[in-house]
Amino acid sequence: MKFGVFANLSGPGRHDEYYKVLDEAREQAIYCDENGYESIWYTEHHFGHEGNELISNPLMMGADIAARTKNIRIGQAANVATFWHPLRLAEDIAMLDQLSKGRVEVGLARGLYGREAANLNPLSDPKNNDQNRAVFEETLEVMKKAWSNRFFSHKGEYFNFPADGLSWKHPMSPPSPEFMDMEKGEISKISLMPNTYENRMPNIWQTIDSSFN
């Protein structure tokens, strides 16, 4: 049996001492690492003036914890994928995976609070469930492509990578049919840098969210 910790930081009334909340979270993670816990998970929430859910970026939190621990796996419960640009999210997760030498567990969610979605990505408003799900699924598709291929492209309803008509000529990057349309002199594929640790596909956990306003 394996045990993990859902470390949803909270601190009502502690707005002016947020750094102390972070210090406590570090102590918790180090204790869990030294005492055999298998994983620790951080969430993503925004604009929470109530102080109940205080982590806006579980990947930055994970990077701090990775530097202070040796064995514990570091998860997100979850990255709200519909609030992120898919390439930035794929890059940042891969960066954390490199920093932690493969200790990342990827948690992805669709989002459930209207005040977050309306201010971060109106396309992901949970009141439009079908569109929210479509944005989530396409974001996940892009991320998997980015992690699974040296060079990749994507044409979808919401995202197109690389951008159309992007010419490329740079002395430090020799042209190659691996990523270019050689006749047009345009980029036809892009490459994630860095990719995941040892170029592995990370474990991906998807949450089921309901809609709340």
N, C-alpha and C. Protein backbone atom coordinates (compact mmCIF):
# COMPACT_ATOMS: atom_id res chain seq x y z
N MET A 1 0.84 -1.19 0.00
CA MET A 1 0.00 0.00 0.00
C MET A 1 0.88 1.24 0.00
N LYS A 2 0.49 2.23 -0.81
CA LYS A 2 1.23 3.48 -0.89
C LYS A 2 0.37 4.62 -0.35
N PHE A 3 1.02 5.56 0.33
CA PHE A 3 0.33 6.69 0.91
C PHE A 3 0.83 8.00 0.29
N GLY A 4 -0.10 8.88 -0.02
CA GLY A 4 0.23 10.20 -0.52
C GLY A 4 -0.49 11.25 0.29
N VAL A 5 -0.06 12.50 0.15
CA VAL A 5 -0.64 13.61 0.89
C VAL A 5 -1.19 14.64 -0.08
N PHE A 6 -2.46 15.01 0.10
CA PHE A 6 -3.04 16.11 -0.66
C PHE A 6 -2.81 17.38 0.16
N ALA A 7 -1.83 18.17 -0.25
CA ALA A 7 -1.39 19.32 0.54
C ALA A 7 -2.05 20.59 0.02
N ASN A 8 -3.33 20.71 0.26
CA ASN A 8 -4.08 21.89 -0.16
C ASN A 8 -3.89 22.99 0.87
N LEU A 9 -2.93 23.85 0.63
CA LEU A 9 -2.60 24.89 1.61
C LEU A 9 -3.80 25.79 1.88
N SER A 10 -4.02 26.05 3.13
CA SER A 10 -5.06 27.00 3.50
C SER A 10 -4.56 27.84 4.67
N GLY A 11 -5.11 29.04 4.76
CA GLY A 11 -4.71 29.93 5.84
C GLY A 11 -5.61 31.15 5.90
N PRO A 12 -6.88 30.96 6.22
CA PRO A 12 -7.78 32.12 6.35
C PRO A 12 -7.21 33.15 7.31
N GLY A 13 -7.17 34.38 6.87
CA GLY A 13 -6.66 35.45 7.71
C GLY A 13 -5.15 35.56 7.73
N ARG A 14 -4.45 34.79 6.88
CA ARG A 14 -2.99 34.79 6.90
C ARG A 14 -2.41 35.43 5.64
N HIS A 15 -3.12 36.34 5.06
CA HIS A 15 -2.67 36.97 3.82
C HIS A 15 -1.31 37.65 3.99
N ASP A 16 -1.07 38.23 5.13
CA ASP A 16 0.16 38.99 5.34
C ASP A 16 1.33 38.12 5.79
N GLU A 17 1.10 36.84 5.99
CA GLU A 17 2.17 35.94 6.37
C GLU A 17 2.18 34.69 5.49
N TYR A 18 1.94 34.91 4.22
CA TYR A 18 1.91 33.79 3.27
C TYR A 18 3.23 33.02 3.28
N TYR A 19 4.32 33.74 3.47
CA TYR A 19 5.63 33.08 3.50
C TYR A 19 5.71 32.06 4.62
N LYS A 20 5.01 32.30 5.73
CA LYS A 20 5.00 31.33 6.82
C LYS A 20 4.22 30.07 6.43
N VAL A 21 3.14 30.26 5.68
CA VAL A 21 2.37 29.12 5.19
C VAL A 21 3.26 28.26 4.29
N LEU A 22 4.06 28.91 3.45
CA LEU A 22 4.98 28.17 2.58
C LEU A 22 6.04 27.44 3.38
N ASP A 23 6.55 28.08 4.42
CA ASP A 23 7.54 27.40 5.27
C ASP A 23 6.95 26.14 5.90
N GLU A 24 5.71 26.22 6.34
CA GLU A 24 5.03 25.06 6.93
C GLU A 24 4.85 23.96 5.88
N ALA A 25 4.53 24.36 4.65
CA ALA A 25 4.38 23.38 3.57
C ALA A 25 5.70 22.68 3.27
N ARG A 26 6.79 23.42 3.32
CA ARG A 26 8.10 22.81 3.12
C ARG A 26 8.42 21.81 4.21
N GLU A 27 8.13 22.17 5.44
CA GLU A 27 8.37 21.25 6.55
C GLU A 27 7.56 19.98 6.39
N GLN A 28 6.32 20.12 5.96
CA GLN A 28 5.46 18.96 5.74
C GLN A 28 6.03 18.05 4.67
N ALA A 29 6.46 18.64 3.55
CA ALA A 29 7.00 17.84 2.45
C ALA A 29 8.27 17.11 2.84
N ILE A 30 9.16 17.79 3.56
CA ILE A 30 10.40 17.16 4.00
C ILE A 30 10.11 16.01 4.95
N TYR A 31 9.16 16.22 5.87
CA TYR A 31 8.76 15.14 6.79
C TYR A 31 8.23 13.94 6.02
N CYS A 32 7.35 14.19 5.05
CA CYS A 32 6.78 13.09 4.26
C CYS A 32 7.85 12.35 3.47
N ASP A 33 8.79 13.10 2.93
CA ASP A 33 9.87 12.49 2.15
C ASP A 33 10.73 11.59 3.03
N GLU A 34 11.02 12.06 4.23
CA GLU A 34 11.90 11.31 5.12
C GLU A 34 11.21 10.14 5.80
N ASN A 35 9.89 10.10 5.73
CA ASN A 35 9.14 9.06 6.44
C ASN A 35 8.34 8.14 5.51
N GLY A 36 8.78 8.08 4.25
CA GLY A 36 8.29 7.03 3.37
C GLY A 36 6.99 7.29 2.64
N TYR A 37 6.48 8.50 2.68
CA TYR A 37 5.28 8.78 1.88
C TYR A 37 5.64 8.71 0.40
N GLU A 38 4.73 8.18 -0.41
CA GLU A 38 5.02 7.96 -1.82
C GLU A 38 4.87 9.22 -2.65
N SER A 39 3.94 10.11 -2.27
CA SER A 39 3.68 11.28 -3.11
C SER A 39 3.09 12.41 -2.29
N ILE A 40 3.22 13.62 -2.85
CA ILE A 40 2.59 14.80 -2.28
C ILE A 40 2.03 15.62 -3.44
N TRP A 41 0.82 16.17 -3.23
CA TRP A 41 0.07 16.78 -4.32
C TRP A 41 -0.34 18.21 -3.96
N TYR A 42 -0.19 19.11 -4.93
CA TYR A 42 -0.56 20.51 -4.72
C TYR A 42 -1.61 20.92 -5.76
N THR A 43 -2.49 21.80 -5.36
CA THR A 43 -3.61 22.17 -6.20
C THR A 43 -3.39 23.52 -6.87
N GLU A 44 -4.34 23.93 -7.70
CA GLU A 44 -4.28 25.23 -8.38
C GLU A 44 -5.62 25.95 -8.21
N HIS A 45 -5.55 27.10 -7.57
CA HIS A 45 -6.74 27.95 -7.46
C HIS A 45 -6.31 29.41 -7.51
N HIS A 46 -7.25 30.27 -7.90
CA HIS A 46 -6.94 31.68 -8.13
C HIS A 46 -7.98 32.58 -7.47
N PHE A 47 -7.51 33.76 -7.06
CA PHE A 47 -8.38 34.84 -6.57
C PHE A 47 -9.11 34.47 -5.28
N GLY A 48 -8.53 33.55 -4.50
CA GLY A 48 -9.21 33.06 -3.30
C GLY A 48 -8.96 33.92 -2.09
N HIS A 49 -9.64 35.07 -2.04
CA HIS A 49 -9.41 35.99 -0.93
C HIS A 49 -9.83 35.39 0.42
N GLU A 50 -10.65 34.33 0.37
CA GLU A 50 -11.08 33.69 1.62
C GLU A 50 -9.93 32.99 2.33
N GLY A 51 -8.89 32.62 1.57
CA GLY A 51 -7.72 31.98 2.17
C GLY A 51 -7.83 30.48 2.32
N ASN A 52 -8.79 29.86 1.64
CA ASN A 52 -9.00 28.43 1.80
C ASN A 52 -8.13 27.58 0.87
N GLU A 53 -7.77 28.11 -0.29
CA GLU A 53 -6.97 27.38 -1.27
C GLU A 53 -5.92 28.34 -1.82
N LEU A 54 -4.69 28.20 -1.36
CA LEU A 54 -3.72 29.28 -1.50
C LEU A 54 -2.64 29.07 -2.55
N ILE A 55 -2.67 27.99 -3.29
CA ILE A 55 -1.62 27.76 -4.28
C ILE A 55 -2.16 28.11 -5.66
N SER A 56 -1.54 29.08 -6.30
CA SER A 56 -1.96 29.46 -7.66
C SER A 56 -1.20 28.70 -8.73
N ASN A 57 -0.05 28.13 -8.38
CA ASN A 57 0.77 27.43 -9.36
C ASN A 57 1.42 26.21 -8.72
N PRO A 58 0.81 25.02 -8.88
CA PRO A 58 1.39 23.82 -8.26
C PRO A 58 2.73 23.42 -8.85
N LEU A 59 3.04 23.88 -10.05
CA LEU A 59 4.33 23.54 -10.66
C LEU A 59 5.47 24.32 -10.01
N MET A 60 5.23 25.60 -9.73
CA MET A 60 6.25 26.36 -9.00
C MET A 60 6.43 25.80 -7.59
N MET A 61 5.33 25.43 -6.97
CA MET A 61 5.41 24.81 -5.64
C MET A 61 6.19 23.51 -5.73
N GLY A 62 5.91 22.73 -6.76
CA GLY A 62 6.61 21.46 -6.95
C GLY A 62 8.09 21.63 -7.16
N ALA A 63 8.49 22.68 -7.87
CA ALA A 63 9.91 22.94 -8.10
C ALA A 63 10.63 23.23 -6.78
N ASP A 64 9.97 24.00 -5.92
CA ASP A 64 10.57 24.30 -4.61
C ASP A 64 10.71 23.03 -3.78
N ILE A 65 9.68 22.19 -3.81
CA ILE A 65 9.71 20.96 -3.02
C ILE A 65 10.72 19.97 -3.60
N ALA A 66 10.82 19.91 -4.91
CA ALA A 66 11.78 18.99 -5.54
C ALA A 66 13.21 19.28 -5.09
N ALA A 67 13.51 20.57 -4.89
CA ALA A 67 14.87 20.96 -4.48
C ALA A 67 15.17 20.58 -3.04
N ARG A 68 14.12 20.27 -2.25
CA ARG A 68 14.30 20.00 -0.82
C ARG A 68 14.09 18.54 -0.45
N THR A 69 13.73 17.71 -1.43
CA THR A 69 13.41 16.31 -1.16
C THR A 69 14.21 15.41 -2.09
N LYS A 70 14.16 14.11 -1.82
CA LYS A 70 14.96 13.16 -2.60
C LYS A 70 14.13 12.09 -3.28
N ASN A 71 13.08 11.62 -2.65
CA ASN A 71 12.38 10.44 -3.14
C ASN A 71 10.91 10.65 -3.45
N ILE A 72 10.25 11.51 -2.72
CA ILE A 72 8.80 11.64 -2.82
C ILE A 72 8.40 12.12 -4.22
N ARG A 73 7.33 11.53 -4.75
CA ARG A 73 6.82 11.95 -6.05
C ARG A 73 5.99 13.21 -5.87
N ILE A 74 6.01 14.07 -6.89
CA ILE A 74 5.42 15.40 -6.77
C ILE A 74 4.31 15.54 -7.79
N GLY A 75 3.10 15.71 -7.29
CA GLY A 75 1.94 15.75 -8.18
C GLY A 75 1.18 17.05 -8.10
N GLN A 76 0.32 17.23 -9.07
CA GLN A 76 -0.59 18.37 -9.11
C GLN A 76 -2.02 17.83 -9.04
N ALA A 77 -2.78 18.39 -8.13
CA ALA A 77 -4.17 17.96 -7.97
C ALA A 77 -5.10 19.17 -7.94
N ALA A 78 -5.15 19.87 -9.01
CA ALA A 78 -4.56 19.53 -10.30
C ALA A 78 -4.15 20.83 -10.98
N ASN A 79 -3.37 20.70 -12.08
CA ASN A 79 -3.24 21.82 -12.99
C ASN A 79 -4.58 22.00 -13.72
N VAL A 80 -5.12 23.19 -13.70
CA VAL A 80 -6.37 23.43 -14.44
C VAL A 80 -5.99 23.70 -15.88
N ALA A 81 -6.02 22.64 -16.68
CA ALA A 81 -5.46 22.70 -18.03
C ALA A 81 -6.13 23.75 -18.90
N THR A 82 -7.40 24.01 -18.67
CA THR A 82 -8.13 24.97 -19.52
C THR A 82 -7.72 26.41 -19.24
N PHE A 83 -6.97 26.65 -18.17
CA PHE A 83 -6.48 28.00 -17.87
C PHE A 83 -5.10 28.25 -18.46
N TRP A 84 -4.48 27.22 -19.02
CA TRP A 84 -3.10 27.31 -19.49
C TRP A 84 -3.03 27.25 -21.01
N HIS A 85 -1.98 27.87 -21.55
CA HIS A 85 -1.63 27.61 -22.94
C HIS A 85 -1.02 26.21 -22.97
N PRO A 86 -1.48 25.32 -23.85
CA PRO A 86 -1.03 23.92 -23.79
C PRO A 86 0.47 23.74 -23.93
N LEU A 87 1.14 24.56 -24.74
CA LEU A 87 2.58 24.40 -24.89
C LEU A 87 3.32 24.85 -23.64
N ARG A 88 2.86 25.92 -23.02
CA ARG A 88 3.50 26.36 -21.78
C ARG A 88 3.30 25.34 -20.68
N LEU A 89 2.12 24.76 -20.60
CA LEU A 89 1.87 23.77 -19.57
C LEU A 89 2.73 22.52 -19.80
N ALA A 90 2.81 22.07 -21.05
CA ALA A 90 3.65 20.91 -21.36
C ALA A 90 5.11 21.20 -21.06
N GLU A 91 5.58 22.39 -21.39
CA GLU A 91 6.98 22.76 -21.12
C GLU A 91 7.25 22.81 -19.62
N ASP A 92 6.36 23.45 -18.87
CA ASP A 92 6.61 23.64 -17.44
C ASP A 92 6.57 22.31 -16.69
N ILE A 93 5.65 21.42 -17.08
CA ILE A 93 5.62 20.10 -16.45
C ILE A 93 6.90 19.35 -16.77
N ALA A 94 7.33 19.41 -18.03
CA ALA A 94 8.57 18.74 -18.42
C ALA A 94 9.76 19.31 -17.66
N MET A 95 9.78 20.62 -17.47
CA MET A 95 10.87 21.25 -16.72
C MET A 95 10.89 20.73 -15.28
N LEU A 96 9.73 20.65 -14.64
CA LEU A 96 9.67 20.11 -13.29
C LEU A 96 10.10 18.65 -13.26
N ASP A 97 9.74 17.90 -14.28
CA ASP A 97 10.14 16.50 -14.36
C ASP A 97 11.66 16.38 -14.46
N GLN A 98 12.28 17.29 -15.20
CA GLN A 98 13.74 17.29 -15.29
C GLN A 98 14.37 17.69 -13.95
N LEU A 99 13.84 18.73 -13.33
CA LEU A 99 14.39 19.19 -12.05
C LEU A 99 14.31 18.12 -10.97
N SER A 100 13.25 17.33 -11.00
CA SER A 100 13.03 16.31 -9.98
C SER A 100 13.55 14.94 -10.39
N LYS A 101 14.16 14.86 -11.59
CA LYS A 101 14.67 13.59 -12.14
C LYS A 101 13.58 12.52 -12.20
N GLY A 102 12.45 12.93 -12.80
CA GLY A 102 11.40 11.96 -13.10
C GLY A 102 10.41 11.69 -11.99
N ARG A 103 10.29 12.59 -11.02
CA ARG A 103 9.38 12.34 -9.89
C ARG A 103 8.01 12.97 -10.08
N VAL A 104 7.69 13.43 -11.28
CA VAL A 104 6.44 14.14 -11.48
C VAL A 104 5.27 13.19 -11.72
N GLU A 105 4.15 13.49 -11.07
CA GLU A 105 2.85 12.92 -11.38
C GLU A 105 1.99 14.07 -11.91
N VAL A 106 1.39 13.89 -13.08
CA VAL A 106 0.65 14.98 -13.72
C VAL A 106 -0.84 14.83 -13.41
N GLY A 107 -1.41 15.84 -12.78
CA GLY A 107 -2.84 15.89 -12.55
C GLY A 107 -3.45 17.03 -13.34
N LEU A 108 -4.50 16.75 -14.09
CA LEU A 108 -5.13 17.76 -14.93
C LEU A 108 -6.62 17.85 -14.63
N ALA A 109 -7.14 19.06 -14.61
CA ALA A 109 -8.56 19.29 -14.35
C ALA A 109 -9.15 20.24 -15.36
N ARG A 110 -10.46 20.27 -15.44
CA ARG A 110 -11.17 21.15 -16.37
C ARG A 110 -11.50 22.50 -15.75
N GLY A 111 -11.47 22.58 -14.44
CA GLY A 111 -11.84 23.83 -13.77
C GLY A 111 -13.31 23.80 -13.37
N LEU A 112 -13.62 24.47 -12.24
CA LEU A 112 -15.00 24.43 -11.78
C LEU A 112 -15.51 25.75 -11.22
N TYR A 113 -14.63 26.71 -10.98
CA TYR A 113 -15.08 27.98 -10.41
C TYR A 113 -15.19 29.05 -11.50
N GLY A 114 -16.37 29.60 -11.65
CA GLY A 114 -16.60 30.59 -12.69
C GLY A 114 -15.75 31.83 -12.56
N ARG A 115 -15.48 32.28 -11.32
CA ARG A 115 -14.69 33.50 -11.16
C ARG A 115 -13.25 33.31 -11.63
N GLU A 116 -12.77 32.07 -11.62
CA GLU A 116 -11.43 31.80 -12.13
C GLU A 116 -11.46 31.77 -13.66
N ALA A 117 -12.35 30.98 -14.22
CA ALA A 117 -12.40 30.82 -15.67
C ALA A 117 -12.68 32.14 -16.38
N ALA A 118 -13.61 32.92 -15.86
CA ALA A 118 -14.00 34.15 -16.53
C ALA A 118 -12.84 35.13 -16.65
N ASN A 119 -11.90 35.06 -15.71
CA ASN A 119 -10.78 35.99 -15.72
C ASN A 119 -9.51 35.42 -16.31
N LEU A 120 -9.43 34.11 -16.48
CA LEU A 120 -8.22 33.50 -17.02
C LEU A 120 -8.40 32.97 -18.43
N ASN A 121 -9.57 32.45 -18.74
CA ASN A 121 -9.86 31.96 -20.09
C ASN A 121 -11.36 31.80 -20.24
N PRO A 122 -12.05 32.81 -20.76
CA PRO A 122 -13.50 32.72 -20.91
C PRO A 122 -13.97 31.51 -21.72
N LEU A 123 -13.11 30.98 -22.60
CA LEU A 123 -13.49 29.79 -23.36
C LEU A 123 -13.72 28.58 -22.47
N SER A 124 -13.17 28.63 -21.26
CA SER A 124 -13.28 27.47 -20.37
C SER A 124 -14.37 27.65 -19.32
N ASP A 125 -15.26 28.62 -19.50
CA ASP A 125 -16.33 28.86 -18.54
C ASP A 125 -17.10 27.56 -18.30
N PRO A 126 -17.15 27.06 -17.06
CA PRO A 126 -17.82 25.79 -16.80
C PRO A 126 -19.31 25.82 -17.06
N LYS A 127 -19.90 27.00 -17.22
CA LYS A 127 -21.33 27.05 -17.57
C LYS A 127 -21.57 26.52 -18.98
N ASN A 128 -20.55 26.57 -19.83
CA ASN A 128 -20.62 25.96 -21.16
C ASN A 128 -19.83 24.66 -21.10
N ASN A 129 -20.47 23.61 -20.62
CA ASN A 129 -19.78 22.37 -20.33
C ASN A 129 -19.16 21.75 -21.57
N ASP A 130 -19.87 21.77 -22.70
CA ASP A 130 -19.35 21.14 -23.91
C ASP A 130 -18.09 21.83 -24.40
N GLN A 131 -18.09 23.17 -24.37
CA GLN A 131 -16.91 23.91 -24.82
C GLN A 131 -15.76 23.73 -23.85
N ASN A 132 -16.04 23.76 -22.56
CA ASN A 132 -15.01 23.54 -21.55
C ASN A 132 -14.34 22.19 -21.76
N ARG A 133 -15.15 21.16 -21.99
CA ARG A 133 -14.60 19.82 -22.20
C ARG A 133 -13.78 19.77 -23.48
N ALA A 134 -14.25 20.45 -24.54
CA ALA A 134 -13.53 20.43 -25.81
C ALA A 134 -12.17 21.10 -25.68
N VAL A 135 -12.11 22.24 -24.97
CA VAL A 135 -10.83 22.92 -24.75
C VAL A 135 -9.89 22.02 -23.95
N PHE A 136 -10.42 21.38 -22.92
CA PHE A 136 -9.61 20.48 -22.10
C PHE A 136 -9.04 19.33 -22.93
N GLU A 137 -9.90 18.68 -23.70
CA GLU A 137 -9.46 17.51 -24.45
C GLU A 137 -8.43 17.88 -25.52
N GLU A 138 -8.60 19.05 -26.15
CA GLU A 138 -7.61 19.44 -27.16
C GLU A 138 -6.29 19.85 -26.50
N THR A 139 -6.37 20.50 -25.35
CA THR A 139 -5.15 20.83 -24.61
C THR A 139 -4.38 19.56 -24.26
N LEU A 140 -5.07 18.54 -23.78
CA LEU A 140 -4.43 17.28 -23.44
C LEU A 140 -3.84 16.61 -24.67
N GLU A 141 -4.54 16.69 -25.80
CA GLU A 141 -4.03 16.11 -27.04
C GLU A 141 -2.71 16.77 -27.45
N VAL A 142 -2.65 18.09 -27.36
CA VAL A 142 -1.42 18.81 -27.70
C VAL A 142 -0.29 18.40 -26.77
N MET A 143 -0.56 18.31 -25.49
CA MET A 143 0.48 17.96 -24.53
C MET A 143 1.05 16.57 -24.79
N LYS A 144 0.18 15.63 -25.07
CA LYS A 144 0.65 14.27 -25.35
C LYS A 144 1.51 14.23 -26.61
N LYS A 145 1.10 14.97 -27.63
CA LYS A 145 1.91 15.04 -28.85
C LYS A 145 3.29 15.62 -28.54
N ALA A 146 3.31 16.68 -27.74
CA ALA A 146 4.57 17.35 -27.43
C ALA A 146 5.51 16.43 -26.67
N TRP A 147 4.99 15.63 -25.76
CA TRP A 147 5.83 14.74 -24.95
C TRP A 147 6.23 13.48 -25.70
N SER A 148 5.51 13.12 -26.75
CA SER A 148 5.71 11.82 -27.41
C SER A 148 6.55 11.90 -28.68
N ASN A 149 6.85 13.09 -29.16
CA ASN A 149 7.52 13.24 -30.45
C ASN A 149 8.65 14.25 -30.35
N ARG A 150 9.73 13.97 -31.08
CA ARG A 150 10.84 14.94 -31.16
C ARG A 150 10.37 16.21 -31.83
N PHE A 151 9.62 16.10 -32.92
CA PHE A 151 8.99 17.22 -33.59
C PHE A 151 7.52 16.88 -33.79
N PHE A 152 6.66 17.86 -33.67
CA PHE A 152 5.23 17.59 -33.79
C PHE A 152 4.51 18.82 -34.35
N SER A 153 3.29 18.58 -34.82
CA SER A 153 2.41 19.64 -35.25
C SER A 153 1.00 19.32 -34.79
N HIS A 154 0.16 20.33 -34.79
CA HIS A 154 -1.23 20.13 -34.36
C HIS A 154 -2.13 21.13 -35.06
N LYS A 155 -3.22 20.66 -35.61
CA LYS A 155 -4.25 21.51 -36.20
C LYS A 155 -5.57 21.13 -35.57
N GLY A 156 -6.16 22.04 -34.83
CA GLY A 156 -7.39 21.73 -34.13
C GLY A 156 -8.39 22.86 -34.16
N GLU A 157 -9.41 22.73 -33.33
CA GLU A 157 -10.46 23.74 -33.27
C GLU A 157 -9.99 25.00 -32.56
N TYR A 158 -9.16 24.82 -31.54
CA TYR A 158 -8.74 25.95 -30.72
C TYR A 158 -7.25 26.29 -30.86
N PHE A 159 -6.44 25.32 -31.28
CA PHE A 159 -5.00 25.53 -31.33
C PHE A 159 -4.42 25.02 -32.64
N ASN A 160 -3.46 25.77 -33.18
CA ASN A 160 -2.71 25.37 -34.36
C ASN A 160 -1.23 25.62 -34.12
N PHE A 161 -0.44 24.55 -34.18
CA PHE A 161 1.00 24.65 -33.97
C PHE A 161 1.74 23.85 -35.04
N PRO A 162 2.75 24.40 -35.65
CA PRO A 162 3.21 25.78 -35.50
C PRO A 162 2.27 26.76 -36.21
N ALA A 163 2.47 28.02 -35.95
CA ALA A 163 1.66 29.04 -36.62
C ALA A 163 1.88 28.96 -38.13
N ASP A 164 0.84 29.23 -38.89
CA ASP A 164 0.93 29.18 -40.35
C ASP A 164 1.87 30.26 -40.88
N GLY A 165 2.61 29.90 -41.92
CA GLY A 165 3.43 30.88 -42.64
C GLY A 165 4.62 31.40 -41.89
N LEU A 166 5.15 30.61 -40.95
CA LEU A 166 6.27 31.06 -40.13
C LEU A 166 7.59 30.72 -40.83
N SER A 167 8.19 31.69 -41.46
CA SER A 167 9.45 31.45 -42.16
C SER A 167 10.58 31.28 -41.15
N TRP A 168 11.62 30.58 -41.59
CA TRP A 168 12.71 30.30 -40.65
C TRP A 168 14.04 30.28 -41.38
N LYS A 169 14.95 31.12 -40.89
CA LYS A 169 16.31 31.14 -41.41
C LYS A 169 17.18 31.72 -40.32
N HIS A 170 18.02 30.86 -39.74
CA HIS A 170 18.84 31.30 -38.62
C HIS A 170 20.18 30.56 -38.70
N PRO A 171 21.28 31.29 -38.56
CA PRO A 171 22.60 30.65 -38.72
C PRO A 171 22.90 29.57 -37.68
N MET A 172 22.23 29.62 -36.54
CA MET A 172 22.46 28.62 -35.50
C MET A 172 21.48 27.44 -35.58
N SER A 173 20.62 27.45 -36.58
CA SER A 173 19.63 26.38 -36.72
C SER A 173 19.54 25.99 -38.19
N PRO A 174 20.36 25.05 -38.62
CA PRO A 174 20.36 24.66 -40.03
C PRO A 174 18.99 24.13 -40.46
N PRO A 175 18.55 24.49 -41.65
CA PRO A 175 17.26 24.00 -42.14
C PRO A 175 17.26 22.48 -42.25
N SER A 176 16.11 21.88 -41.97
CA SER A 176 15.99 20.43 -42.02
C SER A 176 14.55 20.04 -42.33
N PRO A 177 14.36 19.01 -43.14
CA PRO A 177 13.00 18.54 -43.41
C PRO A 177 12.34 17.93 -42.19
N GLU A 178 13.12 17.70 -41.11
CA GLU A 178 12.52 17.21 -39.87
C GLU A 178 11.48 18.18 -39.33
N PHE A 179 11.73 19.48 -39.53
CA PHE A 179 10.81 20.46 -38.96
C PHE A 179 10.44 21.58 -39.92
N MET A 180 10.81 21.43 -41.21
CA MET A 180 10.55 22.50 -42.16
C MET A 180 9.94 21.98 -43.44
N ASP A 181 9.13 22.82 -44.06
CA ASP A 181 8.76 22.64 -45.46
C ASP A 181 9.87 23.31 -46.25
N MET A 182 10.74 22.50 -46.83
CA MET A 182 11.96 23.03 -47.44
C MET A 182 11.65 23.90 -48.65
N GLU A 183 10.60 23.61 -49.38
CA GLU A 183 10.26 24.41 -50.56
C GLU A 183 9.79 25.81 -50.17
N LYS A 184 8.99 25.88 -49.12
CA LYS A 184 8.47 27.18 -48.68
C LYS A 184 9.42 27.90 -47.73
N GLY A 185 10.36 27.16 -47.15
CA GLY A 185 11.24 27.76 -46.15
C GLY A 185 10.50 28.12 -44.88
N GLU A 186 9.47 27.33 -44.55
CA GLU A 186 8.64 27.60 -43.39
C GLU A 186 8.69 26.44 -42.40
N ILE A 187 8.47 26.76 -41.14
CA ILE A 187 8.43 25.74 -40.10
C ILE A 187 7.15 24.93 -40.25
N SER A 188 7.28 23.61 -40.24
CA SER A 188 6.12 22.73 -40.32
C SER A 188 5.89 21.95 -39.03
N LYS A 189 6.91 21.90 -38.16
CA LYS A 189 6.79 21.22 -36.88
C LYS A 189 7.62 21.97 -35.84
N ILE A 190 7.31 21.74 -34.59
CA ILE A 190 8.07 22.35 -33.49
C ILE A 190 8.48 21.27 -32.51
N SER A 191 9.38 21.62 -31.60
CA SER A 191 9.92 20.65 -30.65
C SER A 191 9.86 21.23 -29.25
N LEU A 192 9.40 20.43 -28.31
CA LEU A 192 9.35 20.86 -26.92
C LEU A 192 10.75 20.81 -26.31
N MET A 193 11.12 21.88 -25.60
CA MET A 193 12.44 21.93 -24.96
C MET A 193 12.31 22.62 -23.61
N PRO A 194 12.61 21.91 -22.51
CA PRO A 194 13.01 20.50 -22.52
C PRO A 194 11.81 19.60 -22.66
N ASN A 195 12.09 18.34 -22.99
CA ASN A 195 11.04 17.33 -22.91
C ASN A 195 11.14 16.69 -21.53
N THR A 196 10.32 15.69 -21.28
CA THR A 196 10.29 15.06 -19.97
C THR A 196 11.58 14.29 -19.68
N TYR A 197 11.79 13.99 -18.42
CA TYR A 197 12.99 13.27 -17.98
C TYR A 197 13.06 11.92 -18.68
N GLU A 198 14.19 11.68 -19.31
CA GLU A 198 14.44 10.45 -20.08
C GLU A 198 13.38 10.24 -21.16
N ASN A 199 12.77 11.35 -21.61
CA ASN A 199 11.79 11.33 -22.71
C ASN A 199 10.66 10.31 -22.47
N ARG A 200 10.22 10.23 -21.23
CA ARG A 200 9.15 9.30 -20.91
C ARG A 200 7.81 10.03 -20.91
N MET A 201 6.74 9.30 -21.19
CA MET A 201 5.41 9.86 -21.03
C MET A 201 5.03 9.79 -19.56
N PRO A 202 4.79 10.92 -18.91
CA PRO A 202 4.47 10.88 -17.48
C PRO A 202 3.09 10.28 -17.22
N ASN A 203 2.89 9.84 -15.97
CA ASN A 203 1.56 9.42 -15.56
C ASN A 203 0.64 10.62 -15.55
N ILE A 204 -0.53 10.47 -16.13
CA ILE A 204 -1.48 11.58 -16.22
C ILE A 204 -2.77 11.19 -15.51
N TRP A 205 -3.15 12.00 -14.54
CA TRP A 205 -4.39 11.78 -13.80
C TRP A 205 -5.36 12.89 -14.16
N GLN A 206 -6.58 12.51 -14.52
CA GLN A 206 -7.59 13.49 -14.89
C GLN A 206 -8.68 13.51 -13.82
N THR A 207 -9.06 14.70 -13.40
CA THR A 207 -10.12 14.82 -12.42
C THR A 207 -11.45 15.07 -13.10
N ILE A 208 -12.52 14.76 -12.40
CA ILE A 208 -13.87 15.02 -12.90
C ILE A 208 -14.42 16.19 -12.12
N ASP A 209 -14.63 17.30 -12.80
CA ASP A 209 -15.10 18.50 -12.14
C ASP A 209 -16.58 18.72 -12.44
N SER A 210 -17.28 19.29 -11.48
CA SER A 210 -18.64 19.75 -11.69
C SER A 210 -18.61 21.26 -11.84
N SER A 211 -19.69 21.82 -12.31
CA SER A 211 -19.73 23.26 -12.55
C SER A 211 -20.29 24.00 -11.35
N PHE A 212 -19.52 24.99 -10.90
CA PHE A 212 -19.96 25.86 -9.83
C PHE A 212 -19.71 27.30 -10.27
N ASN A 213 -20.51 28.21 -9.82
CA ASN A 213 -20.35 29.61 -10.14
C ASN A 213 -19.77 30.36 -8.94
